[in-house]
Amino acid sequence: MARRFAPTPAVCTDACRLHRRLPDAAAAVLDLGCGCGVPAARFLAAAGHRVTGVDISAVQVGRARRLVPTGTFLPEQPRLIGRIATWLRPGGWLLATVGDSAWTGTGENWLGGPAPMWWSQADASTYRSWLREAGLLVAAEEFVPEGTSGHALFWARRPPA
């Protein structure tokens, strides 16, 4: 019989909503941009799921391995973008929201929580390069403001057959 995980209201976030949609058995979950593995990977692993996390930052991957020892964490974001490109059908689209400026640091009270969030990201130019190296056609790129900085939003497409 599959184990049921009863989350507390304090941790019932997007990861909680995902958990509710997964089968009772230990589902495989891929966390792209996992950071240090908290809160999403830790929550899902505690619920009995098999979590694989990928992040650009080797420092964050190291932290995730310590904080969520039952998960698998890989510092392979550029290579993963190449794999994602193969998952798309010919003509298929990828919408990616990524960092606009290269940055590594912390943000206090992320999402209103009590703990700092650790960040590490490449800049938009690097992400654009990774998308193109993966064989994707970058159709559009937008800057999405957020506070005093923002994100880059890429519309990339696998070439039609």
C-alpha atoms as a PDB file:
ATOM      1  CA  MET A   1       0.000   0.000   0.000  1.00  0.00           C
ATOM      2  CA  ALA A   2       1.378   3.415  -0.966  1.00  0.00           C
ATOM      3  CA  ARG A   3       2.276   5.801   1.802  1.00  0.00           C
ATOM      4  CA  ARG A   4       0.060   8.892   2.095  1.00  0.00           C
ATOM      5  CA  PHE A   5       1.777  12.144   2.973  1.00  0.00           C
ATOM      6  CA  ALA A   6      -0.223  14.735   4.871  1.00  0.00           C
ATOM      7  CA  PRO A   7       1.359  18.156   4.342  1.00  0.00           C
ATOM      8  CA  THR A   8       0.972  20.878   6.906  1.00  0.00           C
ATOM      9  CA  PRO A   9      -0.594  24.167   5.742  1.00  0.00           C
ATOM     10  CA  ALA A  10       2.765  25.934   6.196  1.00  0.00           C
ATOM     11  CA  VAL A  11       4.391  23.882   3.428  1.00  0.00           C
ATOM     12  CA  CYS A  12       1.375  23.544   1.146  1.00  0.00           C
ATOM     13  CA  THR A  13       2.741  25.440  -1.859  1.00  0.00           C
ATOM     14  CA  ASP A  14       2.942  24.658  -5.557  1.00  0.00           C
ATOM     15  CA  ALA A  15       4.823  21.489  -4.594  1.00  0.00           C
ATOM     16  CA  CYS A  16       1.825  20.454  -2.515  1.00  0.00           C
ATOM     17  CA  ARG A  17      -0.519  21.010  -5.447  1.00  0.00           C
ATOM     18  CA  LEU A  18       1.811  18.949  -7.671  1.00  0.00           C
ATOM     19  CA  HIS A  19       1.917  16.183  -5.054  1.00  0.00           C
ATOM     20  CA  ARG A  20      -1.881  15.991  -5.095  1.00  0.00           C
ATOM     21  CA  ARG A  21      -1.805  15.378  -8.863  1.00  0.00           C
ATOM     22  CA  LEU A  22       0.804  12.598  -8.723  1.00  0.00           C
ATOM     23  CA  PRO A  23      -0.024   8.922  -8.227  1.00  0.00           C
ATOM     24  CA  ASP A  24       0.000   7.541  -4.690  1.00  0.00           C
ATOM     25  CA  ALA A  25       3.053   5.449  -5.535  1.00  0.00           C
ATOM     26  CA  ALA A  26       6.498   7.041  -5.602  1.00  0.00           C
ATOM     27  CA  ALA A  27       6.310   9.109  -8.785  1.00  0.00           C
ATOM     28  CA  ALA A  28       9.407  10.369 -10.581  1.00  0.00           C
ATOM     29  CA  VAL A  29       9.638  14.181 -10.413  1.00  0.00           C
ATOM     30  CA  LEU A  30      12.036  16.437 -12.340  1.00  0.00           C
ATOM     31  CA  ASP A  31      12.757  19.792 -10.671  1.00  0.00           C
ATOM     32  CA  LEU A  32      14.373  22.139 -13.212  1.00  0.00           C
ATOM     33  CA  GLY A  33      16.192  25.007 -11.542  1.00  0.00           C
ATOM     34  CA  CYS A  34      16.016  23.208  -8.197  1.00  0.00           C
ATOM     35  CA  GLY A  35      18.387  25.518  -6.367  1.00  0.00           C
ATOM     36  CA  CYS A  36      19.150  24.167  -2.887  1.00  0.00           C
ATOM     37  CA  GLY A  37      16.220  21.729  -3.058  1.00  0.00           C
ATOM     38  CA  VAL A  38      14.086  23.620  -0.554  1.00  0.00           C
ATOM     39  CA  PRO A  39      11.156  23.781  -0.437  1.00  0.00           C
ATOM     40  CA  ALA A  40       9.938  21.825  -3.494  1.00  0.00           C
ATOM     41  CA  ALA A  41      12.359  18.886  -3.729  1.00  0.00           C
ATOM     42  CA  ARG A  42      12.458  18.376   0.036  1.00  0.00           C
ATOM     43  CA  PHE A  43       8.660  18.435   0.255  1.00  0.00           C
ATOM     44  CA  LEU A  44       8.186  15.993  -2.637  1.00  0.00           C
ATOM     45  CA  ALA A  45      10.927  13.641  -1.408  1.00  0.00           C
ATOM     46  CA  ALA A  46       9.353  13.613   2.064  1.00  0.00           C
ATOM     47  CA  ALA A  47       6.067  12.683   0.367  1.00  0.00           C
ATOM     48  CA  GLY A  48       7.787   9.578  -1.030  1.00  0.00           C
ATOM     49  CA  HIS A  49       8.477  10.712  -4.597  1.00  0.00           C
ATOM     50  CA  ARG A  50      11.748  10.085  -6.472  1.00  0.00           C
ATOM     51  CA  VAL A  51      13.106  13.584  -7.069  1.00  0.00           C
ATOM     52  CA  THR A  52      15.776  14.528  -9.601  1.00  0.00           C
ATOM     53  CA  GLY A  53      16.833  18.159  -9.484  1.00  0.00           C
ATOM     54  CA  VAL A  54      18.911  20.091 -12.006  1.00  0.00           C
ATOM     55  CA  ASP A  55      20.508  23.469 -11.417  1.00  0.00           C
ATOM     56  CA  ILE A  56      23.143  25.619 -13.100  1.00  0.00           C
ATOM     57  CA  SER A  57      24.964  26.194  -9.807  1.00  0.00           C
ATOM     58  CA  ALA A  58      27.281  23.488  -8.499  1.00  0.00           C
ATOM     59  CA  VAL A  59      27.094  25.235  -5.105  1.00  0.00           C
ATOM     60  CA  GLN A  60      23.298  24.934  -5.052  1.00  0.00           C
ATOM     61  CA  VAL A  61      23.466  21.303  -6.174  1.00  0.00           C
ATOM     62  CA  GLY A  62      25.859  20.584  -3.300  1.00  0.00           C
ATOM     63  CA  ARG A  63      23.452  22.226  -0.856  1.00  0.00           C
ATOM     64  CA  ALA A  64      20.511  20.271  -2.302  1.00  0.00           C
ATOM     65  CA  ARG A  65      22.395  17.000  -1.888  1.00  0.00           C
ATOM     66  CA  ARG A  66      22.929  17.813   1.806  1.00  0.00           C
ATOM     67  CA  LEU A  67      19.409  19.161   2.455  1.00  0.00           C
ATOM     68  CA  VAL A  68      17.552  16.450   0.491  1.00  0.00           C
ATOM     69  CA  PRO A  69      19.767  13.350   0.724  1.00  0.00           C
ATOM     70  CA  THR A  70      17.144  11.069  -0.835  1.00  0.00           C
ATOM     71  CA  GLY A  71      17.070  13.141  -4.054  1.00  0.00           C
ATOM     72  CA  THR A  72      19.396  13.077  -7.042  1.00  0.00           C
ATOM     73  CA  PHE A  73      20.833  16.461  -8.010  1.00  0.00           C
ATOM     74  CA  LEU A  74      22.799  17.351 -11.137  1.00  0.00           C
ATOM     75  CA  PRO A  75      24.638  20.546 -12.171  1.00  0.00           C
ATOM     76  CA  GLU A  76      23.858  20.022 -15.845  1.00  0.00           C
ATOM     77  CA  GLN A  77      21.475  22.743 -16.964  1.00  0.00           C
ATOM     78  CA  PRO A  78      23.124  23.424 -20.363  1.00  0.00           C
ATOM     79  CA  ARG A  79      23.148  19.731 -21.293  1.00  0.00           C
ATOM     80  CA  LEU A  80      19.569  19.345 -20.091  1.00  0.00           C
ATOM     81  CA  ILE A  81      18.412  22.112 -22.435  1.00  0.00           C
ATOM     82  CA  GLY A  82      19.794  19.971 -25.257  1.00  0.00           C
ATOM     83  CA  ARG A  83      17.771  16.997 -24.048  1.00  0.00           C
ATOM     84  CA  ILE A  84      14.627  19.095 -23.719  1.00  0.00           C
ATOM     85  CA  ALA A  85      15.077  20.135 -27.355  1.00  0.00           C
ATOM     86  CA  THR A  86      14.863  16.462 -28.374  1.00  0.00           C
ATOM     87  CA  TRP A  87      11.643  15.999 -26.388  1.00  0.00           C
ATOM     88  CA  LEU A  88       9.869  18.657 -28.434  1.00  0.00           C
ATOM     89  CA  ARG A  89       8.029  17.597 -31.554  1.00  0.00           C
ATOM     90  CA  PRO A  90       9.244  19.182 -34.811  1.00  0.00           C
ATOM     91  CA  GLY A  91       7.834  22.693 -34.703  1.00  0.00           C
ATOM     92  CA  GLY A  92       7.190  22.362 -30.939  1.00  0.00           C
ATOM     93  CA  TRP A  93       7.636  25.327 -28.591  1.00  0.00           C
ATOM     94  CA  LEU A  94       9.579  25.851 -25.391  1.00  0.00           C
ATOM     95  CA  LEU A  95       8.721  28.784 -23.124  1.00  0.00           C
ATOM     96  CA  ALA A  96      11.584  29.454 -20.706  1.00  0.00           C
ATOM     97  CA  THR A  97      11.745  32.076 -17.984  1.00  0.00           C
ATOM     98  CA  VAL A  98      15.345  32.531 -16.857  1.00  0.00           C
ATOM     99  CA  GLY A  99      17.584  35.066 -15.191  1.00  0.00           C
ATOM    100  CA  ASP A 100      18.273  38.234 -17.156  1.00  0.00           C
ATOM    101  CA  SER A 101      21.584  39.015 -15.431  1.00  0.00           C
ATOM    102  CA  ALA A 102      24.148  36.575 -14.091  1.00  0.00           C
ATOM    103  CA  TRP A 103      23.826  36.548 -10.337  1.00  0.00           C
ATOM    104  CA  THR A 104      24.544  34.414  -7.302  1.00  0.00           C
ATOM    105  CA  GLY A 105      23.253  35.479  -3.906  1.00  0.00           C
ATOM    106  CA  THR A 106      20.364  35.372  -1.479  1.00  0.00           C
ATOM    107  CA  GLY A 107      16.998  37.019  -1.184  1.00  0.00           C
ATOM    108  CA  GLU A 108      15.429  37.380   2.253  1.00  0.00           C
ATOM    109  CA  ASN A 109      11.855  36.257   2.982  1.00  0.00           C
ATOM    110  CA  TRP A 110      11.356  34.686  -0.431  1.00  0.00           C
ATOM    111  CA  LEU A 111       7.642  34.233  -1.172  1.00  0.00           C
ATOM    112  CA  GLY A 112       6.912  35.675   2.255  1.00  0.00           C
ATOM    113  CA  GLY A 113       8.614  32.790   4.066  1.00  0.00           C
ATOM    114  CA  PRO A 114      10.982  33.046   7.003  1.00  0.00           C
ATOM    115  CA  ALA A 115      14.083  31.704   5.276  1.00  0.00           C
ATOM    116  CA  PRO A 116      16.403  33.209   2.672  1.00  0.00           C
ATOM    117  CA  MET A 117      16.350  31.886  -0.894  1.00  0.00           C
ATOM    118  CA  TRP A 118      19.710  31.146  -2.495  1.00  0.00           C
ATOM    119  CA  TRP A 119      19.970  31.991  -6.199  1.00  0.00           C
ATOM    120  CA  SER A 120      22.460  31.306  -8.948  1.00  0.00           C
ATOM    121  CA  GLN A 121      21.750  32.008 -12.594  1.00  0.00           C
ATOM    122  CA  ALA A 122      23.436  32.735 -15.886  1.00  0.00           C
ATOM    123  CA  ASP A 123      22.612  35.836 -17.915  1.00  0.00           C
ATOM    124  CA  ALA A 124      20.154  36.027 -20.826  1.00  0.00           C
ATOM    125  CA  SER A 125      22.955  35.940 -23.386  1.00  0.00           C
ATOM    126  CA  THR A 126      24.221  32.634 -21.984  1.00  0.00           C
ATOM    127  CA  TYR A 127      20.739  31.100 -21.941  1.00  0.00           C
ATOM    128  CA  ARG A 128      20.180  32.304 -25.532  1.00  0.00           C
ATOM    129  CA  SER A 129      23.446  30.611 -26.514  1.00  0.00           C
ATOM    130  CA  TRP A 130      22.442  27.350 -24.795  1.00  0.00           C
ATOM    131  CA  LEU A 131      19.076  27.360 -26.576  1.00  0.00           C
ATOM    132  CA  ARG A 132      20.737  27.856 -29.957  1.00  0.00           C
ATOM    133  CA  GLU A 133      23.426  25.237 -29.238  1.00  0.00           C
ATOM    134  CA  ALA A 134      20.576  22.823 -28.500  1.00  0.00           C
ATOM    135  CA  GLY A 135      19.310  23.397 -32.042  1.00  0.00           C
ATOM    136  CA  LEU A 136      16.345  25.538 -31.024  1.00  0.00           C
ATOM    137  CA  LEU A 137      15.298  28.644 -32.930  1.00  0.00           C
ATOM    138  CA  VAL A 138      14.830  31.600 -30.606  1.00  0.00           C
ATOM    139  CA  ALA A 139      11.701  33.268 -31.978  1.00  0.00           C
ATOM    140  CA  ALA A 140      11.285  35.942 -29.303  1.00  0.00           C
ATOM    141  CA  GLU A 141      12.933  37.242 -26.171  1.00  0.00           C
ATOM    142  CA  GLU A 142      11.321  39.612 -23.679  1.00  0.00           C
ATOM    143  CA  PHE A 143      12.420  41.284 -20.478  1.00  0.00           C
ATOM    144  CA  VAL A 144       9.956  40.724 -17.628  1.00  0.00           C
ATOM    145  CA  PRO A 145      10.505  43.305 -14.874  1.00  0.00           C
ATOM    146  CA  GLU A 146      10.391  42.208 -11.261  1.00  0.00           C
ATOM    147  CA  GLY A 147      11.275  44.677  -8.526  1.00  0.00           C
ATOM    148  CA  THR A 148      14.616  46.294  -9.281  1.00  0.00           C
ATOM    149  CA  SER A 149      15.614  43.582 -11.781  1.00  0.00           C
ATOM    150  CA  GLY A 150      13.771  41.021 -13.854  1.00  0.00           C
ATOM    151  CA  HIS A 151      13.809  37.871 -15.930  1.00  0.00           C
ATOM    152  CA  ALA A 152      14.283  36.979 -19.555  1.00  0.00           C
ATOM    153  CA  LEU A 153      11.441  35.139 -21.231  1.00  0.00           C
ATOM    154  CA  PHE A 154      12.387  33.093 -24.302  1.00  0.00           C
ATOM    155  CA  TRP A 155      10.079  31.614 -26.918  1.00  0.00           C
ATOM    156  CA  ALA A 156      12.171  28.931 -28.612  1.00  0.00           C
ATOM    157  CA  ARG A 157      11.088  26.406 -31.197  1.00  0.00           C
ATOM    158  CA  ARG A 158      12.382  23.105 -32.492  1.00  0.00           C
ATOM    159  CA  PRO A 159      12.735  23.519 -36.261  1.00  0.00           C
ATOM    160  CA  PRO A 160       9.886  22.000 -38.290  1.00  0.00           C
ATOM    161  CA  ALA A 161      10.659  18.688 -39.982  1.00  0.00           C
END
